Amino acid sequence: MKLLLTSFSFTLLAGLGWSADAARPASPPVPIARGDVFQNATGTKMRILLDQAGFGGTELEMAEITFVPNSDSGEHAHGTTETFYVLEGELEHVVNGKSIKLSAGMIGTVRPPDKVRHKTGPSGARALVIWAPAGEAARIAGRWKRVEP
């Protein structure tokens, strides 16, 4: 009975989205450093602006994300709080099914275990993203390809 309960517990925790992205299999974190650029399969790019070493702690990390036109991240979850500050373009920030259109100068936040989806229109979007605590950028980079800056 103890083994069954333990297996059930792990299944329950996995089902609650304890990975970096509950909609996709978890990938191991990869080393990141300021200036590194990663790109996902649809062309969205993430440039690391502040890593744990540069910050001198694990409280937060920052990146610039450039979303290609007409992109859709698909619904996912993060293991940390994610805050977007839109620099240019328009970003549809859908949190737990509630949609908010963010334009330049606007902020959107999502906290675990919320589900989020990022969508752009024909002009794409560029945003500053802050994760607190740190570690989320490395998990995302584990699913994306490292590219030249």
C-alpha atoms as a PDB file:
ATOM      1  CA  MET A   1       0.000   0.000   0.000  1.00  0.00           C
ATOM      2  CA  LYS A   2       2.855   2.397   0.759  1.00  0.00           C
ATOM      3  CA  LEU A   3       4.316   1.909  -2.747  1.00  0.00           C
ATOM      4  CA  LEU A   4       0.926   2.581  -4.339  1.00  0.00           C
ATOM      5  CA  LEU A   5       0.519   5.779  -2.317  1.00  0.00           C
ATOM      6  CA  THR A   6       4.043   6.927  -3.264  1.00  0.00           C
ATOM      7  CA  SER A   7       3.406   6.258  -6.972  1.00  0.00           C
ATOM      8  CA  PHE A   8       0.077   8.045  -6.716  1.00  0.00           C
ATOM      9  CA  SER A   9       1.760  11.002  -5.014  1.00  0.00           C
ATOM     10  CA  PHE A  10       4.337  11.372  -7.788  1.00  0.00           C
ATOM     11  CA  THR A  11       1.601  11.100 -10.412  1.00  0.00           C
ATOM     12  CA  LEU A  12      -0.450  13.735  -8.605  1.00  0.00           C
ATOM     13  CA  LEU A  13       2.505  16.136  -8.324  1.00  0.00           C
ATOM     14  CA  ALA A  14       3.368  15.691 -12.006  1.00  0.00           C
ATOM     15  CA  GLY A  15      -0.249  16.382 -12.919  1.00  0.00           C
ATOM     16  CA  LEU A  16      -0.193  19.638 -10.970  1.00  0.00           C
ATOM     17  CA  GLY A  17       2.433  21.110 -13.290  1.00  0.00           C
ATOM     18  CA  TRP A  18       5.583  20.973 -11.195  1.00  0.00           C
ATOM     19  CA  SER A  19       7.710  21.075 -14.355  1.00  0.00           C
ATOM     20  CA  ALA A  20       8.874  24.316 -15.990  1.00  0.00           C
ATOM     21  CA  ASP A  21       6.200  23.901 -18.636  1.00  0.00           C
ATOM     22  CA  ALA A  22       3.324  21.578 -17.775  1.00  0.00           C
ATOM     23  CA  ALA A  23       2.116  21.321 -21.372  1.00  0.00           C
ATOM     24  CA  ARG A  24       5.453  19.898 -22.580  1.00  0.00           C
ATOM     25  CA  PRO A  25       7.938  17.410 -21.146  1.00  0.00           C
ATOM     26  CA  ALA A  26      10.406  18.988 -18.742  1.00  0.00           C
ATOM     27  CA  SER A  27      13.870  19.588 -20.150  1.00  0.00           C
ATOM     28  CA  PRO A  28      16.988  19.793 -18.027  1.00  0.00           C
ATOM     29  CA  PRO A  29      18.201  23.343 -17.406  1.00  0.00           C
ATOM     30  CA  VAL A  30      21.145  24.472 -19.529  1.00  0.00           C
ATOM     31  CA  PRO A  31      23.854  26.907 -18.468  1.00  0.00           C
ATOM     32  CA  ILE A  32      23.003  30.487 -19.403  1.00  0.00           C
ATOM     33  CA  ALA A  33      24.982  33.722 -19.281  1.00  0.00           C
ATOM     34  CA  ARG A  34      24.340  37.378 -20.049  1.00  0.00           C
ATOM     35  CA  GLY A  35      24.171  37.886 -23.818  1.00  0.00           C
ATOM     36  CA  ASP A  36      23.202  34.297 -24.687  1.00  0.00           C
ATOM     37  CA  VAL A  37      20.419  34.060 -27.276  1.00  0.00           C
ATOM     38  CA  PHE A  38      18.027  31.136 -27.649  1.00  0.00           C
ATOM     39  CA  GLN A  39      15.355  30.553 -30.296  1.00  0.00           C
ATOM     40  CA  ASN A  40      12.320  28.283 -30.260  1.00  0.00           C
ATOM     41  CA  ALA A  41      10.961  26.308 -33.208  1.00  0.00           C
ATOM     42  CA  THR A  42       8.625  29.129 -34.317  1.00  0.00           C
ATOM     43  CA  GLY A  43      11.355  31.817 -34.341  1.00  0.00           C
ATOM     44  CA  THR A  44      10.738  33.586 -31.034  1.00  0.00           C
ATOM     45  CA  LYS A  45      14.059  34.655 -29.472  1.00  0.00           C
ATOM     46  CA  MET A  46      15.153  35.092 -25.864  1.00  0.00           C
ATOM     47  CA  ARG A  47      18.287  37.150 -25.068  1.00  0.00           C
ATOM     48  CA  ILE A  48      19.584  36.827 -21.511  1.00  0.00           C
ATOM     49  CA  LEU A  49      20.056  40.263 -19.935  1.00  0.00           C
ATOM     50  CA  LEU A  50      20.717  39.322 -16.323  1.00  0.00           C
ATOM     51  CA  ASP A  51      21.683  35.868 -15.071  1.00  0.00           C
ATOM     52  CA  GLN A  52      22.287  34.655 -11.517  1.00  0.00           C
ATOM     53  CA  ALA A  53      26.031  35.363 -11.705  1.00  0.00           C
ATOM     54  CA  GLY A  54      25.503  38.924 -12.925  1.00  0.00           C
ATOM     55  CA  PHE A  55      22.845  39.571 -10.304  1.00  0.00           C
ATOM     56  CA  GLY A  56      24.877  37.946  -7.554  1.00  0.00           C
ATOM     57  CA  GLY A  57      21.952  35.886  -6.314  1.00  0.00           C
ATOM     58  CA  THR A  58      19.006  33.700  -7.161  1.00  0.00           C
ATOM     59  CA  GLU A  59      16.201  36.186  -6.497  1.00  0.00           C
ATOM     60  CA  LEU A  60      15.564  37.040 -10.167  1.00  0.00           C
ATOM     61  CA  GLU A  61      16.747  36.916 -13.766  1.00  0.00           C
ATOM     62  CA  MET A  62      15.826  38.957 -16.844  1.00  0.00           C
ATOM     63  CA  ALA A  63      15.651  38.487 -20.593  1.00  0.00           C
ATOM     64  CA  GLU A  64      14.442  40.259 -23.699  1.00  0.00           C
ATOM     65  CA  ILE A  65      11.967  38.200 -25.703  1.00  0.00           C
ATOM     66  CA  THR A  66      11.189  38.989 -29.323  1.00  0.00           C
ATOM     67  CA  PHE A  67       7.992  37.303 -30.469  1.00  0.00           C
ATOM     68  CA  VAL A  68       7.599  36.779 -34.206  1.00  0.00           C
ATOM     69  CA  PRO A  69       4.394  37.981 -35.901  1.00  0.00           C
ATOM     70  CA  ASN A  70       1.296  35.825 -35.426  1.00  0.00           C
ATOM     71  CA  SER A  71       2.909  33.596 -32.797  1.00  0.00           C
ATOM     72  CA  ASP A  72       1.166  31.510 -30.162  1.00  0.00           C
ATOM     73  CA  SER A  73       3.161  29.945 -27.331  1.00  0.00           C
ATOM     74  CA  GLY A  74       0.444  27.461 -26.507  1.00  0.00           C
ATOM     75  CA  GLU A  75      -0.842  27.139 -22.970  1.00  0.00           C
ATOM     76  CA  HIS A  76       1.893  26.408 -20.440  1.00  0.00           C
ATOM     77  CA  ALA A  77       2.943  26.978 -16.835  1.00  0.00           C
ATOM     78  CA  HIS A  78       6.140  28.251 -15.254  1.00  0.00           C
ATOM     79  CA  GLY A  79       7.808  27.242 -12.007  1.00  0.00           C
ATOM     80  CA  THR A  80       8.378  30.876 -11.015  1.00  0.00           C
ATOM     81  CA  THR A  81       6.578  34.216 -11.248  1.00  0.00           C
ATOM     82  CA  GLU A  82       6.902  35.637 -14.771  1.00  0.00           C
ATOM     83  CA  THR A  83       6.437  39.367 -15.397  1.00  0.00           C
ATOM     84  CA  PHE A  84       6.386  40.914 -18.887  1.00  0.00           C
ATOM     85  CA  TYR A  85       6.967  44.590 -19.662  1.00  0.00           C
ATOM     86  CA  VAL A  86       6.058  45.180 -23.311  1.00  0.00           C
ATOM     87  CA  LEU A  87       8.640  47.320 -25.113  1.00  0.00           C
ATOM     88  CA  GLU A  88       7.002  47.359 -28.552  1.00  0.00           C
ATOM     89  CA  GLY A  89       4.181  45.689 -30.436  1.00  0.00           C
ATOM     90  CA  GLU A  90       1.171  44.035 -28.875  1.00  0.00           C
ATOM     91  CA  LEU A  91       1.146  40.873 -26.787  1.00  0.00           C
ATOM     92  CA  GLU A  92      -2.014  39.004 -25.887  1.00  0.00           C
ATOM     93  CA  HIS A  93      -1.404  37.662 -22.388  1.00  0.00           C
ATOM     94  CA  VAL A  94      -3.918  34.899 -21.591  1.00  0.00           C
ATOM     95  CA  VAL A  95      -3.859  33.781 -17.950  1.00  0.00           C
ATOM     96  CA  ASN A  96      -6.183  30.950 -16.909  1.00  0.00           C
ATOM     97  CA  GLY A  97      -8.349  31.686 -19.959  1.00  0.00           C
ATOM     98  CA  LYS A  98      -8.635  35.450 -19.276  1.00  0.00           C
ATOM     99  CA  SER A  99      -7.154  37.513 -22.122  1.00  0.00           C
ATOM    100  CA  ILE A 100      -5.457  40.897 -21.683  1.00  0.00           C
ATOM    101  CA  LYS A 101      -3.989  42.839 -24.627  1.00  0.00           C
ATOM    102  CA  LEU A 102      -0.684  44.362 -23.580  1.00  0.00           C
ATOM    103  CA  SER A 103       0.881  47.148 -25.642  1.00  0.00           C
ATOM    104  CA  ALA A 104       4.091  49.145 -25.171  1.00  0.00           C
ATOM    105  CA  GLY A 105       4.460  50.285 -21.562  1.00  0.00           C
ATOM    106  CA  MET A 106       2.062  47.707 -20.115  1.00  0.00           C
ATOM    107  CA  ILE A 107       2.859  44.895 -17.670  1.00  0.00           C
ATOM    108  CA  GLY A 108       1.476  41.364 -17.359  1.00  0.00           C
ATOM    109  CA  THR A 109       2.265  38.845 -14.623  1.00  0.00           C
ATOM    110  CA  VAL A 110       1.604  35.146 -14.152  1.00  0.00           C
ATOM    111  CA  ARG A 111       2.299  33.092 -11.017  1.00  0.00           C
ATOM    112  CA  PRO A 112       2.564  29.335 -10.544  1.00  0.00           C
ATOM    113  CA  PRO A 113       0.473  27.245 -10.964  1.00  0.00           C
ATOM    114  CA  ASP A 114      -1.441  29.523 -13.367  1.00  0.00           C
ATOM    115  CA  LYS A 115      -1.644  28.574 -17.032  1.00  0.00           C
ATOM    116  CA  VAL A 116      -0.478  31.211 -19.520  1.00  0.00           C
ATOM    117  CA  ARG A 117      -0.452  31.683 -23.277  1.00  0.00           C
ATOM    118  CA  HIS A 118       1.373  34.446 -25.205  1.00  0.00           C
ATOM    119  CA  LYS A 119      -0.010  35.471 -28.600  1.00  0.00           C
ATOM    120  CA  THR A 120       0.995  38.174 -31.056  1.00  0.00           C
ATOM    121  CA  GLY A 121      -0.595  39.810 -34.073  1.00  0.00           C
ATOM    122  CA  PRO A 122       0.895  40.732 -37.437  1.00  0.00           C
ATOM    123  CA  SER A 123       3.586  43.030 -35.983  1.00  0.00           C
ATOM    124  CA  GLY A 124       4.917  40.647 -33.314  1.00  0.00           C
ATOM    125  CA  ALA A 125       6.131  42.027 -29.983  1.00  0.00           C
ATOM    126  CA  ARG A 126       9.256  42.654 -27.954  1.00  0.00           C
ATOM    127  CA  ALA A 127       9.187  42.473 -24.164  1.00  0.00           C
ATOM    128  CA  LEU A 128      11.366  42.510 -21.095  1.00  0.00           C
ATOM    129  CA  VAL A 129      10.647  39.437 -18.984  1.00  0.00           C
ATOM    130  CA  ILE A 130      11.588  38.995 -15.337  1.00  0.00           C
ATOM    131  CA  TRP A 131      11.466  35.637 -13.575  1.00  0.00           C
ATOM    132  CA  ALA A 132      11.519  35.502  -9.788  1.00  0.00           C
ATOM    133  CA  PRO A 133      13.134  33.503  -8.381  1.00  0.00           C
ATOM    134  CA  ALA A 134      15.797  32.709 -10.980  1.00  0.00           C
ATOM    135  CA  GLY A 135      16.077  29.403 -12.826  1.00  0.00           C
ATOM    136  CA  GLU A 136      13.254  29.667 -15.351  1.00  0.00           C
ATOM    137  CA  ALA A 137      15.435  31.022 -18.184  1.00  0.00           C
ATOM    138  CA  ALA A 138      17.688  27.964 -17.971  1.00  0.00           C
ATOM    139  CA  ARG A 139      14.659  25.649 -18.082  1.00  0.00           C
ATOM    140  CA  ILE A 140      13.288  27.455 -21.149  1.00  0.00           C
ATOM    141  CA  ALA A 141      16.725  27.426 -22.800  1.00  0.00           C
ATOM    142  CA  GLY A 142      16.738  23.648 -22.341  1.00  0.00           C
ATOM    143  CA  ARG A 143      13.901  23.414 -24.889  1.00  0.00           C
ATOM    144  CA  TRP A 144      15.181  26.124 -27.270  1.00  0.00           C
ATOM    145  CA  LYS A 145      18.203  26.220 -29.581  1.00  0.00           C
ATOM    146  CA  ARG A 146      21.205  28.422 -28.747  1.00  0.00           C
ATOM    147  CA  VAL A 147      21.817  30.858 -31.652  1.00  0.00           C
ATOM    148  CA  GLU A 148      24.343  33.608 -32.429  1.00  0.00           C
ATOM    149  CA  PRO A 149      23.444  37.018 -30.927  1.00  0.00           C
END
